[in-house]
Amino acid sequence: QVQLVESGGGLVQPGGSLRLSCEVSGLSGSDYVVGWFRQPPGKERQFVAAVRWGGGRQRLADSVSGRFTISKDTSKNTLFLQMNNLESEDTAVYYCVARARWHIYYYLDSSYDYWGQGTQVTVSS
């Protein structure tokens, strides 16, 4: 059973940085896709980033490209989301997600079978 546990959220000022972590367990192969979604207050969930656990594919949402970076340390079974130059619009609950294989609709939340419990990120002065 795949389990995902996020950490690293918090309160940060505009222009600041945060790094989210996701401890991943139960993946049974390198074809798994892991990533991040977020849900701002009063809005639907949004795709943020995804990467193939074994490497080779990576996608970032246009809204975060150039500011956010997704990375992984497979030796420590951990996924990261480095968030720089944060804006108030980045305020959301951030979820770690996973699915068994890359999907053409990687940007849809319905494509993912496994979800973490979420971690709150608040960008405010």
C-alpha atoms as a PDB file:
ATOM      1  CA  GLN A   1       0.000   0.000   0.000  1.00  0.00           C
ATOM      2  CA  VAL A   2       1.391   3.372  -1.033  1.00  0.00           C
ATOM      3  CA  GLN A   3       1.594   5.907   1.786  1.00  0.00           C
ATOM      4  CA  LEU A   4       2.484   9.573   1.489  1.00  0.00           C
ATOM      5  CA  VAL A   5       3.268  11.883   4.400  1.00  0.00           C
ATOM      6  CA  GLU A   6       3.874  15.581   3.793  1.00  0.00           C
ATOM      7  CA  SER A   7       5.757  18.023   5.982  1.00  0.00           C
ATOM      8  CA  GLY A   8       7.314  21.457   5.763  1.00  0.00           C
ATOM      9  CA  GLY A   9       4.336  23.748   5.418  1.00  0.00           C
ATOM     10  CA  GLY A  10       3.951  26.959   7.376  1.00  0.00           C
ATOM     11  CA  LEU A  11       3.613  30.719   7.290  1.00  0.00           C
ATOM     12  CA  VAL A  12       5.979  32.694   5.087  1.00  0.00           C
ATOM     13  CA  GLN A  13       6.144  36.276   3.885  1.00  0.00           C
ATOM     14  CA  PRO A  14       5.737  37.177   0.209  1.00  0.00           C
ATOM     15  CA  GLY A  15       9.012  36.658  -1.593  1.00  0.00           C
ATOM     16  CA  GLY A  16      10.102  34.008   0.872  1.00  0.00           C
ATOM     17  CA  SER A  17      10.867  30.333   0.397  1.00  0.00           C
ATOM     18  CA  LEU A  18       9.700  26.993   1.770  1.00  0.00           C
ATOM     19  CA  ARG A  19      10.602  23.401   1.035  1.00  0.00           C
ATOM     20  CA  LEU A  20       7.942  20.736   1.302  1.00  0.00           C
ATOM     21  CA  SER A  21       8.846  17.100   1.826  1.00  0.00           C
ATOM     22  CA  CYS A  22       6.872  13.950   1.206  1.00  0.00           C
ATOM     23  CA  GLU A  23       7.922  10.614   2.687  1.00  0.00           C
ATOM     24  CA  VAL A  24       6.954   7.947   0.189  1.00  0.00           C
ATOM     25  CA  SER A  25       6.479   4.289   1.021  1.00  0.00           C
ATOM     26  CA  GLY A  26       5.016   1.269  -0.734  1.00  0.00           C
ATOM     27  CA  LEU A  27       6.107   2.081  -4.297  1.00  0.00           C
ATOM     28  CA  SER A  28       6.776  -1.170  -6.127  1.00  0.00           C
ATOM     29  CA  GLY A  29       8.640   0.119  -9.160  1.00  0.00           C
ATOM     30  CA  SER A  30      10.330   3.021 -10.915  1.00  0.00           C
ATOM     31  CA  ASP A  31       7.323   3.665 -13.194  1.00  0.00           C
ATOM     32  CA  TYR A  32       5.400   5.324 -10.401  1.00  0.00           C
ATOM     33  CA  VAL A  33       4.625   8.992 -10.796  1.00  0.00           C
ATOM     34  CA  VAL A  34       4.756  11.238  -7.747  1.00  0.00           C
ATOM     35  CA  GLY A  35       3.883  14.882  -7.516  1.00  0.00           C
ATOM     36  CA  TRP A  36       2.118  17.792  -5.882  1.00  0.00           C
ATOM     37  CA  PHE A  37      -1.315  19.335  -6.083  1.00  0.00           C
ATOM     38  CA  ARG A  38      -2.641  22.283  -4.111  1.00  0.00           C
ATOM     39  CA  GLN A  39      -6.036  23.579  -3.095  1.00  0.00           C
ATOM     40  CA  PRO A  40      -6.336  27.309  -2.436  1.00  0.00           C
ATOM     41  CA  PRO A  41      -9.138  28.491  -0.127  1.00  0.00           C
ATOM     42  CA  GLY A  42     -12.494  28.267  -1.877  1.00  0.00           C
ATOM     43  CA  LYS A  43     -11.000  26.864  -5.077  1.00  0.00           C
ATOM     44  CA  GLU A  44     -10.587  23.488  -6.732  1.00  0.00           C
ATOM     45  CA  ARG A  45      -7.416  21.465  -6.538  1.00  0.00           C
ATOM     46  CA  GLN A  46      -4.672  22.540  -8.922  1.00  0.00           C
ATOM     47  CA  PHE A  47      -1.783  20.624 -10.454  1.00  0.00           C
ATOM     48  CA  VAL A  48       1.616  21.877  -9.317  1.00  0.00           C
ATOM     49  CA  ALA A  49       4.286  19.390 -10.389  1.00  0.00           C
ATOM     50  CA  ALA A  50       4.920  15.735 -11.200  1.00  0.00           C
ATOM     51  CA  VAL A  51       7.947  13.535 -11.759  1.00  0.00           C
ATOM     52  CA  ARG A  52       8.514   9.914 -12.628  1.00  0.00           C
ATOM     53  CA  TRP A  53      10.019   8.174  -9.618  1.00  0.00           C
ATOM     54  CA  GLY A  54      12.616   6.425 -11.801  1.00  0.00           C
ATOM     55  CA  GLY A  55      13.481   9.627 -13.630  1.00  0.00           C
ATOM     56  CA  GLY A  56      13.018  10.756 -17.217  1.00  0.00           C
ATOM     57  CA  ARG A  57       9.805  12.780 -17.021  1.00  0.00           C
ATOM     58  CA  GLN A  58       8.947  15.929 -15.136  1.00  0.00           C
ATOM     59  CA  ARG A  59       6.252  18.579 -15.453  1.00  0.00           C
ATOM     60  CA  LEU A  60       5.561  21.878 -13.712  1.00  0.00           C
ATOM     61  CA  ALA A  61       2.458  24.035 -13.875  1.00  0.00           C
ATOM     62  CA  ASP A  62       2.952  27.291 -15.774  1.00  0.00           C
ATOM     63  CA  SER A  63       1.905  29.250 -12.695  1.00  0.00           C
ATOM     64  CA  VAL A  64       4.903  28.003 -10.704  1.00  0.00           C
ATOM     65  CA  SER A  65       7.497  27.466 -13.429  1.00  0.00           C
ATOM     66  CA  GLY A  66      10.662  29.399 -12.629  1.00  0.00           C
ATOM     67  CA  ARG A  67       9.770  29.625  -8.928  1.00  0.00           C
ATOM     68  CA  PHE A  68       9.121  26.023  -7.835  1.00  0.00           C
ATOM     69  CA  THR A  69      11.313  22.967  -8.310  1.00  0.00           C
ATOM     70  CA  ILE A  70      10.329  19.345  -7.856  1.00  0.00           C
ATOM     71  CA  SER A  71      13.015  16.858  -6.912  1.00  0.00           C
ATOM     72  CA  LYS A  72      13.421  13.478  -5.243  1.00  0.00           C
ATOM     73  CA  ASP A  73      15.863  11.467  -3.226  1.00  0.00           C
ATOM     74  CA  THR A  74      15.036   7.865  -3.997  1.00  0.00           C
ATOM     75  CA  SER A  75      17.640   6.623  -1.495  1.00  0.00           C
ATOM     76  CA  LYS A  76      15.618   8.317   1.247  1.00  0.00           C
ATOM     77  CA  ASN A  77      12.209   7.709  -0.360  1.00  0.00           C
ATOM     78  CA  THR A  78      11.473  11.409  -0.224  1.00  0.00           C
ATOM     79  CA  LEU A  79       9.921  13.841  -2.681  1.00  0.00           C
ATOM     80  CA  PHE A  80      10.546  17.571  -2.386  1.00  0.00           C
ATOM     81  CA  LEU A  81       8.960  20.779  -3.588  1.00  0.00           C
ATOM     82  CA  GLN A  82      11.238  23.778  -3.319  1.00  0.00           C
ATOM     83  CA  MET A  83       9.138  26.936  -3.452  1.00  0.00           C
ATOM     84  CA  ASN A  84      10.878  30.270  -3.995  1.00  0.00           C
ATOM     85  CA  ASN A  85       9.603  33.807  -4.456  1.00  0.00           C
ATOM     86  CA  LEU A  86       6.275  32.846  -2.920  1.00  0.00           C
ATOM     87  CA  GLU A  87       3.199  34.906  -3.641  1.00  0.00           C
ATOM     88  CA  SER A  88      -0.083  35.274  -1.774  1.00  0.00           C
ATOM     89  CA  GLU A  89      -1.724  33.274  -4.574  1.00  0.00           C
ATOM     90  CA  ASP A  90       0.405  30.286  -3.527  1.00  0.00           C
ATOM     91  CA  THR A  91      -1.518  30.035  -0.256  1.00  0.00           C
ATOM     92  CA  ALA A  92      -3.110  26.588  -0.255  1.00  0.00           C
ATOM     93  CA  VAL A  93      -3.118  23.134   1.218  1.00  0.00           C
ATOM     94  CA  TYR A  94      -0.439  21.190  -0.641  1.00  0.00           C
ATOM     95  CA  TYR A  95      -0.921  17.474  -1.273  1.00  0.00           C
ATOM     96  CA  CYS A  96       1.591  14.823  -2.238  1.00  0.00           C
ATOM     97  CA  VAL A  97       0.172  12.400  -4.819  1.00  0.00           C
ATOM     98  CA  ALA A  98       1.124   9.189  -6.584  1.00  0.00           C
ATOM     99  CA  ARG A  99      -0.063   6.840  -9.315  1.00  0.00           C
ATOM    100  CA  ALA A 100       1.349   3.682 -10.817  1.00  0.00           C
ATOM    101  CA  ARG A 101       2.368   4.951 -14.281  1.00  0.00           C
ATOM    102  CA  TRP A 102       2.722   8.187 -16.239  1.00  0.00           C
ATOM    103  CA  HIS A 103      -0.619   9.336 -17.623  1.00  0.00           C
ATOM    104  CA  ILE A 104      -1.326  11.805 -20.395  1.00  0.00           C
ATOM    105  CA  TYR A 105      -3.708  13.543 -18.021  1.00  0.00           C
ATOM    106  CA  TYR A 106      -1.027  13.887 -15.334  1.00  0.00           C
ATOM    107  CA  TYR A 107      -2.416  17.350 -14.526  1.00  0.00           C
ATOM    108  CA  LEU A 108      -5.847  16.068 -13.434  1.00  0.00           C
ATOM    109  CA  ASP A 109      -6.396  15.189  -9.791  1.00  0.00           C
ATOM    110  CA  SER A 110      -8.625  12.293 -10.834  1.00  0.00           C
ATOM    111  CA  SER A 111      -5.557  10.637 -12.397  1.00  0.00           C
ATOM    112  CA  TYR A 112      -3.967   9.981  -9.003  1.00  0.00           C
ATOM    113  CA  ASP A 113      -4.802   7.055  -6.765  1.00  0.00           C
ATOM    114  CA  TYR A 114      -2.839   7.977  -3.666  1.00  0.00           C
ATOM    115  CA  TRP A 115      -2.935  11.186  -1.646  1.00  0.00           C
ATOM    116  CA  GLY A 116      -1.229  12.464   1.449  1.00  0.00           C
ATOM    117  CA  GLN A 117      -3.068  14.267   4.224  1.00  0.00           C
ATOM    118  CA  GLY A 118      -1.922  17.696   3.049  1.00  0.00           C
ATOM    119  CA  THR A 119       0.169  20.477   4.546  1.00  0.00           C
ATOM    120  CA  GLN A 120      -0.866  24.125   4.815  1.00  0.00           C
ATOM    121  CA  VAL A 121       1.209  26.838   3.177  1.00  0.00           C
ATOM    122  CA  THR A 122       0.237  30.412   3.975  1.00  0.00           C
ATOM    123  CA  VAL A 123       1.928  33.338   2.255  1.00  0.00           C
ATOM    124  CA  SER A 124       1.157  36.556   4.076  1.00  0.00           C
ATOM    125  CA  SER A 125       2.838  39.600   5.510  1.00  0.00           C
END
